[in-house]
Amino acid sequence: MKILITGTSRGIGQAIARKFLDCGHEVVGLDRLPGTIEHANYAHHTVDILRDELPEAPGVEILINNAGVQDSGEDIDVNLKGTIRVTERYAFQERIRSVLFIASASASTGSEFPEYAASKGGIVAYMKNTALRLARWGATSNSLSPGGVLTSLNDRVVNDPELWRQIMAETLLPKWAEPEEIAEWAYFVTAINRSMTAQDLLIDNGEAAKANFIW
């Protein structure tokens, strides 16, 4: 299948791209950073999804919207408007099989930077709108909402022992996900799943479920 993924130069997007390549698919990556994957079935386009002209990529069968920024002053513009722009460009055509959005646990909890949380909440709402419009082709639209993931974006807290201790105290399963685990979820939801659509999956090691009963 032909897969288009945004934000493939590092972190979750890179892990997802590698998962699809390992499974024999053709992957087109979009990122404003240069490509970091060397593979015969991978094509990279250095592009700003909000501002630049989006490249031709006919016949996309799976679209995965992963690109995003955090506490940048442009979170809503890049994360939400840029994602909408990519989806409207590539998703609504007869070859499409599935669209996936990488949202965030903050979309439901609100517990992050204000514009970031708002941008991810908007992505979940737009995902449901996309599901309504993709149904005509029998295609699915879902989102993954990770909690903490061990990527360079989170080095500030991962590498601070006291902040890390506080984070683990708020997490039911005291760990964070690896990017490769999120990639496995992404593969299942898009390449294998055929019946679940318009759903947001929370993958946060139980952070939102953490509750202390005081008697």
N, C-alpha and C. Protein backbone atom coordinates (compact mmCIF):
# COMPACT_ATOMS: atom_id res chain seq x y z
N MET A 1 0.83 -1.20 0.00
CA MET A 1 0.00 0.00 0.00
C MET A 1 0.88 1.26 0.00
N LYS A 2 0.27 2.36 -0.39
CA LYS A 2 0.97 3.64 -0.39
C LYS A 2 0.55 4.43 0.85
N ILE A 3 1.53 4.78 1.66
CA ILE A 3 1.28 5.44 2.94
C ILE A 3 1.91 6.83 2.90
N LEU A 4 1.17 7.85 3.31
CA LEU A 4 1.72 9.19 3.47
C LEU A 4 1.69 9.54 4.95
N ILE A 5 2.85 9.93 5.47
CA ILE A 5 3.00 10.23 6.89
C ILE A 5 3.65 11.60 7.04
N THR A 6 3.12 12.44 7.90
CA THR A 6 3.74 13.73 8.17
C THR A 6 4.58 13.64 9.45
N GLY A 7 5.65 14.42 9.47
CA GLY A 7 6.51 14.45 10.65
C GLY A 7 7.34 13.20 10.82
N THR A 8 8.05 12.80 9.76
CA THR A 8 8.75 11.51 9.76
C THR A 8 10.24 11.61 10.10
N SER A 9 10.74 12.79 10.40
CA SER A 9 12.19 12.93 10.59
C SER A 9 12.66 12.47 11.96
N ARG A 10 11.74 12.33 12.90
CA ARG A 10 12.14 11.89 14.24
C ARG A 10 10.92 11.39 15.01
N GLY A 11 11.18 10.83 16.17
CA GLY A 11 10.12 10.50 17.11
C GLY A 11 9.08 9.51 16.61
N ILE A 12 7.83 9.78 16.95
CA ILE A 12 6.73 8.88 16.61
C ILE A 12 6.58 8.71 15.11
N GLY A 13 6.66 9.80 14.36
CA GLY A 13 6.49 9.72 12.91
C GLY A 13 7.55 8.86 12.25
N GLN A 14 8.78 8.99 12.70
CA GLN A 14 9.86 8.16 12.16
C GLN A 14 9.61 6.69 12.47
N ALA A 15 9.17 6.41 13.71
CA ALA A 15 8.91 5.01 14.10
C ALA A 15 7.77 4.42 13.27
N ILE A 16 6.74 5.21 13.01
CA ILE A 16 5.62 4.73 12.19
C ILE A 16 6.08 4.45 10.77
N ALA A 17 6.87 5.36 10.21
CA ALA A 17 7.38 5.16 8.85
C ALA A 17 8.19 3.88 8.76
N ARG A 18 9.06 3.65 9.73
CA ARG A 18 9.89 2.45 9.71
C ARG A 18 9.03 1.19 9.85
N LYS A 19 7.98 1.23 10.64
CA LYS A 19 7.09 0.08 10.79
C LYS A 19 6.46 -0.29 9.45
N PHE A 20 5.94 0.69 8.73
CA PHE A 20 5.31 0.41 7.44
C PHE A 20 6.34 -0.06 6.41
N LEU A 21 7.52 0.52 6.43
CA LEU A 21 8.56 0.08 5.51
C LEU A 21 8.97 -1.36 5.81
N ASP A 22 9.09 -1.69 7.09
CA ASP A 22 9.45 -3.06 7.46
C ASP A 22 8.40 -4.07 7.01
N CYS A 23 7.17 -3.60 6.89
CA CYS A 23 6.07 -4.48 6.47
C CYS A 23 5.86 -4.47 4.96
N GLY A 24 6.77 -3.82 4.23
CA GLY A 24 6.76 -3.90 2.78
C GLY A 24 5.95 -2.85 2.05
N HIS A 25 5.58 -1.76 2.72
CA HIS A 25 4.77 -0.73 2.09
C HIS A 25 5.63 0.39 1.51
N GLU A 26 5.02 1.16 0.63
CA GLU A 26 5.64 2.37 0.07
C GLU A 26 5.27 3.54 0.97
N VAL A 27 6.26 4.33 1.40
CA VAL A 27 6.01 5.42 2.34
C VAL A 27 6.50 6.74 1.74
N VAL A 28 5.62 7.74 1.80
CA VAL A 28 5.97 9.12 1.46
C VAL A 28 5.98 9.91 2.76
N GLY A 29 7.10 10.56 3.06
CA GLY A 29 7.21 11.34 4.28
C GLY A 29 7.25 12.82 4.01
N LEU A 30 6.53 13.58 4.84
CA LEU A 30 6.54 15.05 4.78
C LEU A 30 7.04 15.57 6.11
N ASP A 31 8.04 16.45 6.08
CA ASP A 31 8.56 17.04 7.31
C ASP A 31 9.29 18.31 6.94
N ARG A 32 9.27 19.29 7.81
CA ARG A 32 10.02 20.51 7.51
C ARG A 32 11.51 20.34 7.78
N LEU A 33 11.88 19.22 8.43
CA LEU A 33 13.29 18.85 8.59
C LEU A 33 13.71 17.89 7.49
N PRO A 34 15.00 17.82 7.18
CA PRO A 34 15.47 16.86 6.16
C PRO A 34 15.16 15.43 6.57
N GLY A 35 15.09 14.56 5.59
CA GLY A 35 14.80 13.16 5.84
C GLY A 35 15.92 12.45 6.58
N THR A 36 15.53 11.49 7.42
CA THR A 36 16.50 10.72 8.19
C THR A 36 16.40 9.22 7.91
N ILE A 37 15.53 8.83 6.99
CA ILE A 37 15.32 7.42 6.66
C ILE A 37 15.88 7.14 5.27
N GLU A 38 16.71 6.13 5.18
CA GLU A 38 17.22 5.69 3.88
C GLU A 38 16.63 4.31 3.59
N HIS A 39 15.78 4.25 2.58
CA HIS A 39 15.11 2.99 2.23
C HIS A 39 14.62 3.11 0.80
N ALA A 40 14.67 2.04 0.07
CA ALA A 40 14.28 2.07 -1.34
C ALA A 40 12.82 2.45 -1.53
N ASN A 41 11.98 2.16 -0.55
CA ASN A 41 10.55 2.44 -0.67
C ASN A 41 10.12 3.70 0.06
N TYR A 42 11.10 4.54 0.42
CA TYR A 42 10.78 5.78 1.13
C TYR A 42 11.14 6.99 0.30
N ALA A 43 10.18 7.93 0.18
CA ALA A 43 10.42 9.20 -0.50
C ALA A 43 10.14 10.33 0.47
N HIS A 44 11.09 11.23 0.62
CA HIS A 44 10.96 12.32 1.60
C HIS A 44 10.77 13.66 0.90
N HIS A 45 9.86 14.46 1.43
CA HIS A 45 9.65 15.83 0.95
C HIS A 45 9.85 16.78 2.12
N THR A 46 10.81 17.69 1.99
CA THR A 46 11.02 18.70 3.01
C THR A 46 10.04 19.84 2.76
N VAL A 47 9.03 19.93 3.62
CA VAL A 47 7.93 20.84 3.37
C VAL A 47 7.29 21.25 4.69
N ASP A 48 6.87 22.50 4.76
CA ASP A 48 6.10 23.02 5.89
C ASP A 48 4.62 22.78 5.56
N ILE A 49 3.95 21.95 6.34
CA ILE A 49 2.58 21.56 5.98
C ILE A 49 1.60 22.72 6.08
N LEU A 50 1.98 23.78 6.79
CA LEU A 50 1.08 24.93 6.92
C LEU A 50 1.24 25.92 5.79
N ARG A 51 2.47 26.10 5.31
CA ARG A 51 2.75 27.22 4.40
C ARG A 51 3.16 26.81 2.99
N ASP A 52 3.84 25.69 2.84
CA ASP A 52 4.40 25.34 1.54
C ASP A 52 3.38 24.62 0.65
N GLU A 53 3.67 24.62 -0.63
CA GLU A 53 2.85 23.83 -1.55
C GLU A 53 3.07 22.35 -1.26
N LEU A 54 1.99 21.64 -1.09
CA LEU A 54 2.08 20.22 -0.78
C LEU A 54 2.37 19.42 -2.05
N PRO A 55 3.24 18.42 -1.96
CA PRO A 55 3.67 17.71 -3.17
C PRO A 55 2.58 16.81 -3.73
N GLU A 56 2.72 16.47 -4.99
CA GLU A 56 1.84 15.48 -5.61
C GLU A 56 2.11 14.11 -4.99
N ALA A 57 1.05 13.41 -4.65
CA ALA A 57 1.18 12.05 -4.11
C ALA A 57 -0.10 11.30 -4.44
N PRO A 58 -0.30 10.97 -5.71
CA PRO A 58 -1.56 10.33 -6.12
C PRO A 58 -1.70 8.93 -5.53
N GLY A 59 -2.93 8.56 -5.25
CA GLY A 59 -3.22 7.20 -4.84
C GLY A 59 -2.85 6.85 -3.41
N VAL A 60 -2.85 7.84 -2.51
CA VAL A 60 -2.57 7.55 -1.11
C VAL A 60 -3.67 6.64 -0.56
N GLU A 61 -3.25 5.54 0.07
CA GLU A 61 -4.22 4.61 0.64
C GLU A 61 -4.35 4.76 2.16
N ILE A 62 -3.27 5.13 2.81
CA ILE A 62 -3.31 5.41 4.25
C ILE A 62 -2.61 6.75 4.49
N LEU A 63 -3.30 7.64 5.21
CA LEU A 63 -2.74 8.94 5.56
C LEU A 63 -2.61 9.00 7.08
N ILE A 64 -1.40 9.31 7.55
CA ILE A 64 -1.17 9.43 8.99
C ILE A 64 -0.65 10.83 9.29
N ASN A 65 -1.47 11.57 10.00
CA ASN A 65 -1.14 12.95 10.38
C ASN A 65 -0.45 12.95 11.74
N ASN A 66 0.87 13.12 11.71
CA ASN A 66 1.65 13.09 12.94
C ASN A 66 2.37 14.41 13.22
N ALA A 67 2.66 15.19 12.22
CA ALA A 67 3.47 16.40 12.39
C ALA A 67 2.82 17.35 13.39
N GLY A 68 3.66 17.95 14.23
CA GLY A 68 3.12 18.90 15.20
C GLY A 68 4.22 19.62 15.95
N VAL A 69 3.84 20.69 16.61
CA VAL A 69 4.77 21.47 17.44
C VAL A 69 4.14 21.61 18.82
N GLN A 70 4.96 22.05 19.78
CA GLN A 70 4.51 22.14 21.16
C GLN A 70 4.99 23.45 21.77
N ASP A 71 4.04 24.21 22.33
CA ASP A 71 4.35 25.47 23.00
C ASP A 71 5.21 26.38 22.13
N SER A 72 4.79 26.50 20.86
CA SER A 72 5.59 27.21 19.87
C SER A 72 5.06 28.61 19.54
N GLY A 73 3.85 28.90 20.01
CA GLY A 73 3.18 30.12 19.57
C GLY A 73 2.40 29.91 18.29
N GLU A 74 2.59 28.73 17.66
CA GLU A 74 1.88 28.39 16.43
C GLU A 74 1.19 27.03 16.53
N ASP A 75 0.93 26.58 17.75
CA ASP A 75 0.40 25.22 17.92
C ASP A 75 -0.91 25.01 17.18
N ILE A 76 -1.83 25.95 17.29
CA ILE A 76 -3.12 25.79 16.62
C ILE A 76 -2.95 25.87 15.10
N ASP A 77 -2.10 26.79 14.65
CA ASP A 77 -1.88 26.92 13.21
C ASP A 77 -1.26 25.66 12.61
N VAL A 78 -0.19 25.17 13.21
CA VAL A 78 0.52 24.02 12.65
C VAL A 78 -0.24 22.73 12.92
N ASN A 79 -0.54 22.48 14.19
CA ASN A 79 -1.11 21.19 14.59
C ASN A 79 -2.51 20.96 14.04
N LEU A 80 -3.33 22.00 14.06
CA LEU A 80 -4.71 21.84 13.61
C LEU A 80 -4.90 22.28 12.16
N LYS A 81 -4.55 23.52 11.85
CA LYS A 81 -4.79 24.02 10.49
C LYS A 81 -3.90 23.28 9.47
N GLY A 82 -2.65 23.02 9.86
CA GLY A 82 -1.77 22.29 8.95
C GLY A 82 -2.26 20.87 8.70
N THR A 83 -2.74 20.23 9.76
CA THR A 83 -3.28 18.88 9.63
C THR A 83 -4.53 18.85 8.76
N ILE A 84 -5.40 19.81 8.95
CA ILE A 84 -6.60 19.90 8.10
C ILE A 84 -6.18 20.10 6.64
N ARG A 85 -5.21 20.93 6.41
CA ARG A 85 -4.74 21.20 5.05
C ARG A 85 -4.23 19.93 4.37
N VAL A 86 -3.44 19.14 5.09
CA VAL A 86 -2.91 17.89 4.54
C VAL A 86 -4.04 16.91 4.26
N THR A 87 -4.96 16.79 5.20
CA THR A 87 -6.05 15.82 5.05
C THR A 87 -6.95 16.16 3.88
N GLU A 88 -7.30 17.41 3.76
CA GLU A 88 -8.15 17.83 2.64
C GLU A 88 -7.45 17.61 1.30
N ARG A 89 -6.13 17.68 1.31
CA ARG A 89 -5.36 17.52 0.07
C ARG A 89 -5.28 16.06 -0.38
N TYR A 90 -5.14 15.11 0.58
CA TYR A 90 -4.82 13.74 0.19
C TYR A 90 -5.89 12.69 0.51
N ALA A 91 -6.79 12.97 1.43
CA ALA A 91 -7.63 11.89 1.95
C ALA A 91 -8.86 11.57 1.12
N PHE A 92 -9.47 12.57 0.55
CA PHE A 92 -10.82 12.38 0.01
C PHE A 92 -10.78 11.98 -1.46
N GLN A 93 -10.44 10.69 -1.67
CA GLN A 93 -10.35 10.14 -3.02
C GLN A 93 -10.57 8.63 -2.92
N GLU A 94 -10.87 8.02 -4.05
CA GLU A 94 -11.39 6.65 -4.05
C GLU A 94 -10.38 5.59 -3.61
N ARG A 95 -9.07 5.89 -3.63
CA ARG A 95 -8.08 4.89 -3.19
C ARG A 95 -7.92 4.85 -1.66
N ILE A 96 -8.45 5.83 -0.97
CA ILE A 96 -8.20 5.94 0.47
C ILE A 96 -8.80 4.77 1.23
N ARG A 97 -8.02 4.29 2.19
CA ARG A 97 -8.44 3.16 3.02
C ARG A 97 -8.58 3.59 4.49
N SER A 98 -7.67 4.46 4.94
CA SER A 98 -7.71 4.85 6.35
C SER A 98 -6.95 6.16 6.56
N VAL A 99 -7.45 6.96 7.50
CA VAL A 99 -6.76 8.17 7.95
C VAL A 99 -6.59 8.08 9.46
N LEU A 100 -5.40 8.41 9.92
CA LEU A 100 -5.11 8.39 11.35
C LEU A 100 -4.52 9.72 11.77
N PHE A 101 -4.95 10.19 12.92
CA PHE A 101 -4.45 11.44 13.49
C PHE A 101 -3.73 11.12 14.81
N ILE A 102 -2.53 11.64 14.98
CA ILE A 102 -1.85 11.52 16.26
C ILE A 102 -2.23 12.75 17.08
N ALA A 103 -3.12 12.54 18.02
CA ALA A 103 -3.58 13.62 18.88
C ALA A 103 -2.75 13.61 20.16
N SER A 104 -3.38 13.67 21.31
CA SER A 104 -2.65 13.69 22.58
C SER A 104 -3.64 13.45 23.71
N ALA A 105 -3.14 12.87 24.81
CA ALA A 105 -3.98 12.71 25.99
C ALA A 105 -4.52 14.05 26.46
N SER A 106 -3.79 15.12 26.18
CA SER A 106 -4.25 16.45 26.61
C SER A 106 -5.52 16.89 25.88
N ALA A 107 -5.86 16.21 24.79
CA ALA A 107 -7.11 16.53 24.10
C ALA A 107 -8.32 16.27 24.99
N SER A 108 -8.20 15.31 25.91
CA SER A 108 -9.31 15.00 26.81
C SER A 108 -9.08 15.51 28.23
N THR A 109 -7.81 15.60 28.65
CA THR A 109 -7.55 16.07 30.02
C THR A 109 -7.30 17.57 30.10
N GLY A 110 -6.81 18.17 29.01
CA GLY A 110 -6.48 19.59 29.02
C GLY A 110 -5.20 19.92 29.75
N SER A 111 -4.46 18.92 30.22
CA SER A 111 -3.34 19.19 31.13
C SER A 111 -2.01 19.32 30.40
N GLU A 112 -1.95 20.32 29.52
CA GLU A 112 -0.67 20.68 28.91
C GLU A 112 -0.74 22.15 28.55
N PHE A 113 0.19 22.59 27.70
CA PHE A 113 0.18 23.99 27.28
C PHE A 113 -1.16 24.33 26.65
N PRO A 114 -1.74 25.51 26.94
CA PRO A 114 -3.11 25.81 26.51
C PRO A 114 -3.37 25.63 25.02
N GLU A 115 -2.53 26.25 24.17
CA GLU A 115 -2.77 26.15 22.73
C GLU A 115 -2.52 24.74 22.22
N TYR A 116 -1.57 24.03 22.83
CA TYR A 116 -1.31 22.65 22.42
C TYR A 116 -2.52 21.78 22.71
N ALA A 117 -3.05 21.87 23.94
CA ALA A 117 -4.23 21.08 24.31
C ALA A 117 -5.40 21.42 23.39
N ALA A 118 -5.59 22.71 23.11
CA ALA A 118 -6.69 23.11 22.24
C ALA A 118 -6.51 22.57 20.82
N SER A 119 -5.27 22.59 20.34
CA SER A 119 -5.02 22.09 18.97
C SER A 119 -5.30 20.61 18.88
N LYS A 120 -4.95 19.85 19.90
CA LYS A 120 -5.16 18.40 19.87
C LYS A 120 -6.64 18.06 20.08
N GLY A 121 -7.33 18.84 20.90
CA GLY A 121 -8.78 18.66 21.01
C GLY A 121 -9.47 18.92 19.69
N GLY A 122 -9.00 19.92 18.97
CA GLY A 122 -9.55 20.20 17.65
C GLY A 122 -9.29 19.08 16.67
N ILE A 123 -8.14 18.45 16.78
CA ILE A 123 -7.82 17.32 15.90
C ILE A 123 -8.81 16.17 16.12
N VAL A 124 -9.14 15.88 17.38
CA VAL A 124 -10.09 14.80 17.66
C VAL A 124 -11.46 15.13 17.05
N ALA A 125 -11.90 16.37 17.17
CA ALA A 125 -13.18 16.76 16.58
C ALA A 125 -13.13 16.66 15.05
N TYR A 126 -12.02 17.12 14.46
CA TYR A 126 -11.88 17.05 13.00
C TYR A 126 -11.79 15.60 12.53
N MET A 127 -11.17 14.74 13.33
CA MET A 127 -11.12 13.31 12.99
C MET A 127 -12.52 12.73 12.81
N LYS A 128 -13.43 13.11 13.68
CA LYS A 128 -14.80 12.60 13.60
C LYS A 128 -15.50 13.15 12.35
N ASN A 129 -15.24 14.41 12.03
CA ASN A 129 -15.78 14.99 10.80
C ASN A 129 -15.24 14.26 9.58
N THR A 130 -13.95 13.92 9.62
CA THR A 130 -13.33 13.17 8.53
C THR A 130 -13.96 11.80 8.38
N ALA A 131 -14.24 11.14 9.50
CA ALA A 131 -14.87 9.81 9.45
C ALA A 131 -16.21 9.86 8.74
N LEU A 132 -16.99 10.89 9.00
CA LEU A 132 -18.30 11.03 8.35
C LEU A 132 -18.14 11.13 6.83
N ARG A 133 -17.13 11.85 6.39
CA ARG A 133 -16.96 12.09 4.96
C ARG A 133 -16.23 10.97 4.23
N LEU A 134 -15.44 10.17 4.98
CA LEU A 134 -14.72 9.07 4.36
C LEU A 134 -15.57 7.81 4.22
N ALA A 135 -16.68 7.75 4.94
CA ALA A 135 -17.48 6.52 4.96
C ALA A 135 -17.97 6.12 3.56
N ARG A 136 -18.12 7.06 2.69
CA ARG A 136 -18.60 6.76 1.33
C ARG A 136 -17.66 5.82 0.59
N TRP A 137 -16.39 5.82 0.98
CA TRP A 137 -15.40 4.93 0.35
C TRP A 137 -15.11 3.70 1.23
N GLY A 138 -15.85 3.53 2.30
CA GLY A 138 -15.60 2.42 3.21
C GLY A 138 -14.31 2.58 3.99
N ALA A 139 -13.83 3.82 4.11
CA ALA A 139 -12.56 4.10 4.78
C ALA A 139 -12.79 4.51 6.23
N THR A 140 -11.78 4.26 7.06
CA THR A 140 -11.86 4.60 8.48
C THR A 140 -11.09 5.87 8.79
N SER A 141 -11.48 6.50 9.89
CA SER A 141 -10.77 7.67 10.41
C SER A 141 -10.77 7.57 11.93
N ASN A 142 -9.58 7.54 12.52
CA ASN A 142 -9.45 7.43 13.97
C ASN A 142 -8.27 8.28 14.44
N SER A 143 -8.14 8.40 15.74
CA SER A 143 -6.99 9.10 16.30
C SER A 143 -6.40 8.31 17.46
N LEU A 144 -5.11 8.47 17.64
CA LEU A 144 -4.41 7.97 18.81
C LEU A 144 -4.06 9.15 19.70
N SER A 145 -4.31 9.02 21.00
CA SER A 145 -3.98 10.08 21.95
C SER A 145 -2.95 9.54 22.96
N PRO A 146 -1.67 9.61 22.61
CA PRO A 146 -0.66 9.15 23.56
C PRO A 146 -0.55 10.09 24.75
N GLY A 147 -0.20 9.51 25.90
CA GLY A 147 0.26 10.32 27.01
C GLY A 147 1.75 10.56 26.81
N GLY A 148 2.55 10.30 27.83
CA GLY A 148 3.98 10.50 27.68
C GLY A 148 4.61 9.47 26.74
N VAL A 149 5.47 9.95 25.85
CA VAL A 149 6.22 9.08 24.94
C VAL A 149 7.69 9.48 25.02
N LEU A 150 8.57 8.49 25.00
CA LEU A 150 10.00 8.73 25.16
C LEU A 150 10.62 9.21 23.84
N THR A 151 10.44 10.49 23.56
CA THR A 151 11.02 11.12 22.38
C THR A 151 11.86 12.31 22.82
N SER A 152 12.68 12.82 21.89
CA SER A 152 13.55 13.95 22.21
C SER A 152 12.74 15.19 22.58
N LEU A 153 11.50 15.28 22.13
CA LEU A 153 10.65 16.42 22.47
C LEU A 153 10.44 16.53 23.97
N ASN A 154 10.54 15.38 24.67
CA ASN A 154 10.28 15.36 26.10
C ASN A 154 11.54 15.20 26.94
N ASP A 155 12.71 15.43 26.35
CA ASP A 155 13.97 15.25 27.07
C ASP A 155 14.05 16.10 28.34
N ARG A 156 13.43 17.26 28.30
CA ARG A 156 13.52 18.17 29.45
C ARG A 156 13.04 17.52 30.74
N VAL A 157 11.94 16.76 30.65
CA VAL A 157 11.41 16.13 31.86
C VAL A 157 11.97 14.73 32.06
N VAL A 158 12.22 14.01 30.97
CA VAL A 158 12.74 12.65 31.08
C VAL A 158 14.10 12.65 31.75
N ASN A 159 14.90 13.67 31.49
CA ASN A 159 16.27 13.72 32.01
C ASN A 159 16.39 14.48 33.33
N ASP A 160 15.28 14.91 33.90
CA ASP A 160 15.30 15.60 35.18
C ASP A 160 14.75 14.64 36.24
N PRO A 161 15.59 14.12 37.14
CA PRO A 161 15.15 13.09 38.09
C PRO A 161 13.94 13.49 38.93
N GLU A 162 13.89 14.73 39.38
CA GLU A 162 12.77 15.15 40.22
C GLU A 162 11.48 15.28 39.43
N LEU A 163 11.54 15.87 38.25
CA LEU A 163 10.35 15.97 37.41
C LEU A 163 9.87 14.58 37.00
N TRP A 164 10.81 13.70 36.69
CA TRP A 164 10.44 12.34 36.29
C TRP A 164 9.76 11.59 37.44
N ARG A 165 10.26 11.79 38.66
CA ARG A 165 9.64 11.17 39.83
C ARG A 165 8.20 11.64 39.99
N GLN A 166 7.97 12.93 39.81
CA GLN A 166 6.62 13.47 39.92
C GLN A 166 5.69 12.91 38.85
N ILE A 167 6.21 12.79 37.64
CA ILE A 167 5.42 12.25 36.54
C ILE A 167 5.03 10.80 36.80
N MET A 168 5.99 10.01 37.24
CA MET A 168 5.72 8.60 37.50
C MET A 168 4.70 8.43 38.64
N ALA A 169 4.69 9.35 39.58
CA ALA A 169 3.72 9.29 40.69
C ALA A 169 2.30 9.53 40.20
N GLU A 170 2.16 10.12 39.01
CA GLU A 170 0.84 10.41 38.45
C GLU A 170 0.43 9.39 37.40
N THR A 171 1.21 8.34 37.23
CA THR A 171 0.96 7.38 36.15
C THR A 171 0.69 6.00 36.75
N LEU A 172 -0.47 5.43 36.40
CA LEU A 172 -0.89 4.15 36.99
C LEU A 172 0.12 3.04 36.70
N LEU A 173 0.53 2.90 35.46
CA LEU A 173 1.64 2.03 35.10
C LEU A 173 2.87 2.93 35.03
N PRO A 174 3.80 2.83 35.95
CA PRO A 174 4.85 3.84 36.07
C PRO A 174 5.90 3.77 34.96
N LYS A 175 5.47 4.17 33.78
CA LYS A 175 6.38 4.20 32.62
C LYS A 175 5.75 5.07 31.54
N TRP A 176 6.52 5.37 30.52
CA TRP A 176 6.01 6.00 29.31
C TRP A 176 6.17 5.04 28.14
N ALA A 177 5.44 5.30 27.07
CA ALA A 177 5.50 4.45 25.88
C ALA A 177 6.74 4.78 25.05
N GLU A 178 7.24 3.78 24.37
CA GLU A 178 8.28 3.99 23.35
C GLU A 178 7.61 4.35 22.03
N PRO A 179 8.27 5.12 21.17
CA PRO A 179 7.69 5.45 19.86
C PRO A 179 7.30 4.21 19.06
N GLU A 180 8.07 3.14 19.20
CA GLU A 180 7.80 1.92 18.45
C GLU A 180 6.47 1.28 18.86
N GLU A 181 6.08 1.46 20.13
CA GLU A 181 4.78 0.93 20.54
C GLU A 181 3.65 1.73 19.90
N ILE A 182 3.79 3.04 19.85
CA ILE A 182 2.77 3.87 19.19
C ILE A 182 2.69 3.49 17.71
N ALA A 183 3.83 3.16 17.11
CA ALA A 183 3.85 2.73 15.71
C ALA A 183 3.05 1.45 15.51
N GLU A 184 3.14 0.54 16.47
CA GLU A 184 2.36 -0.70 16.38
C GLU A 184 0.86 -0.40 16.42
N TRP A 185 0.46 0.49 17.32
CA TRP A 185 -0.93 0.91 17.36
C TRP A 185 -1.36 1.52 16.02
N ALA A 186 -0.50 2.39 15.48
CA ALA A 186 -0.82 3.07 14.22
C ALA A 186 -1.01 2.07 13.10
N TYR A 187 -0.14 1.06 13.06
CA TYR A 187 -0.26 0.05 12.01
C TYR A 187 -1.56 -0.73 12.14
N PHE A 188 -1.88 -1.15 13.34
CA PHE A 188 -3.11 -1.93 13.52
C PHE A 188 -4.35 -1.12 13.15
N VAL A 189 -4.41 0.11 13.62
CA VAL A 189 -5.61 0.93 13.42
C VAL A 189 -5.84 1.25 11.94
N THR A 190 -4.76 1.34 11.15
CA THR A 190 -4.90 1.74 9.75
C THR A 190 -4.85 0.57 8.77
N ALA A 191 -3.88 -0.34 8.95
CA ALA A 191 -3.65 -1.40 7.97
C ALA A 191 -4.46 -2.66 8.25
N ILE A 192 -4.85 -2.88 9.50
CA ILE A 192 -5.57 -4.10 9.87
C ILE A 192 -7.03 -3.82 10.19
N ASN A 193 -7.27 -2.82 11.00
CA ASN A 193 -8.64 -2.48 11.38
C ASN A 193 -9.48 -2.10 10.17
N ARG A 194 -10.69 -2.66 10.08
CA ARG A 194 -11.62 -2.29 9.02
C ARG A 194 -12.98 -1.85 9.55
N SER A 195 -13.20 -1.98 10.87
CA SER A 195 -14.55 -1.77 11.40
C SER A 195 -14.65 -0.65 12.44
N MET A 196 -13.55 -0.24 13.03
CA MET A 196 -13.59 0.86 13.99
C MET A 196 -13.32 2.17 13.28
N THR A 197 -14.21 3.14 13.48
CA THR A 197 -14.00 4.47 12.90
C THR A 197 -14.59 5.52 13.81
N ALA A 198 -14.09 6.75 13.68
CA ALA A 198 -14.54 7.90 14.48
C ALA A 198 -14.22 7.73 15.96
N GLN A 199 -13.12 7.02 16.28
CA GLN A 199 -12.77 6.76 17.67
C GLN A 199 -11.39 7.34 18.01
N ASP A 200 -11.27 7.81 19.24
CA ASP A 200 -10.00 8.28 19.78
C ASP A 200 -9.51 7.29 20.82
N LEU A 201 -8.30 6.78 20.65
CA LEU A 201 -7.74 5.78 21.55
C LEU A 201 -6.71 6.42 22.48
N LEU A 202 -6.97 6.34 23.78
CA LEU A 202 -6.09 6.92 24.78
C LEU A 202 -5.03 5.90 25.19
N ILE A 203 -3.75 6.25 24.98
CA ILE A 203 -2.63 5.35 25.27
C ILE A 203 -1.70 6.09 26.22
N ASP A 204 -2.03 6.06 27.52
CA ASP A 204 -1.35 6.93 28.47
C ASP A 204 -0.83 6.22 29.71
N ASN A 205 -0.73 4.88 29.65
CA ASN A 205 -0.27 4.12 30.82
C ASN A 205 -1.11 4.38 32.07
N GLY A 206 -2.36 4.76 31.85
CA GLY A 206 -3.29 4.94 32.96
C GLY A 206 -3.18 6.26 33.68
N GLU A 207 -2.54 7.26 33.06
CA GLU A 207 -2.40 8.55 33.73
C GLU A 207 -3.75 9.20 34.01
N ALA A 208 -4.65 9.14 33.03
CA ALA A 208 -5.97 9.74 33.23
C ALA A 208 -6.81 8.95 34.22
N ALA A 209 -6.46 7.67 34.41
CA ALA A 209 -7.24 6.81 35.32
C ALA A 209 -6.71 6.83 36.74
N LYS A 210 -5.59 7.49 36.97
CA LYS A 210 -4.97 7.49 38.30
C LYS A 210 -5.90 8.15 39.31
N ALA A 211 -6.18 7.43 40.38
CA ALA A 211 -7.04 7.97 41.43
C ALA A 211 -6.58 7.43 42.78
N ASN A 212 -6.50 8.30 43.75
CA ASN A 212 -6.12 7.91 45.09
C ASN A 212 -7.33 8.02 46.01
N PHE A 213 -7.73 6.90 46.59
CA PHE A 213 -8.88 6.87 47.49
C PHE A 213 -8.41 7.18 48.92
N ILE A 214 -8.95 8.22 49.48
CA ILE A 214 -8.56 8.65 50.83
C ILE A 214 -9.72 8.38 51.78
N TRP A 215 -9.46 7.64 52.85
CA TRP A 215 -10.54 7.28 53.80
C TRP A 215 -10.21 7.83 55.18
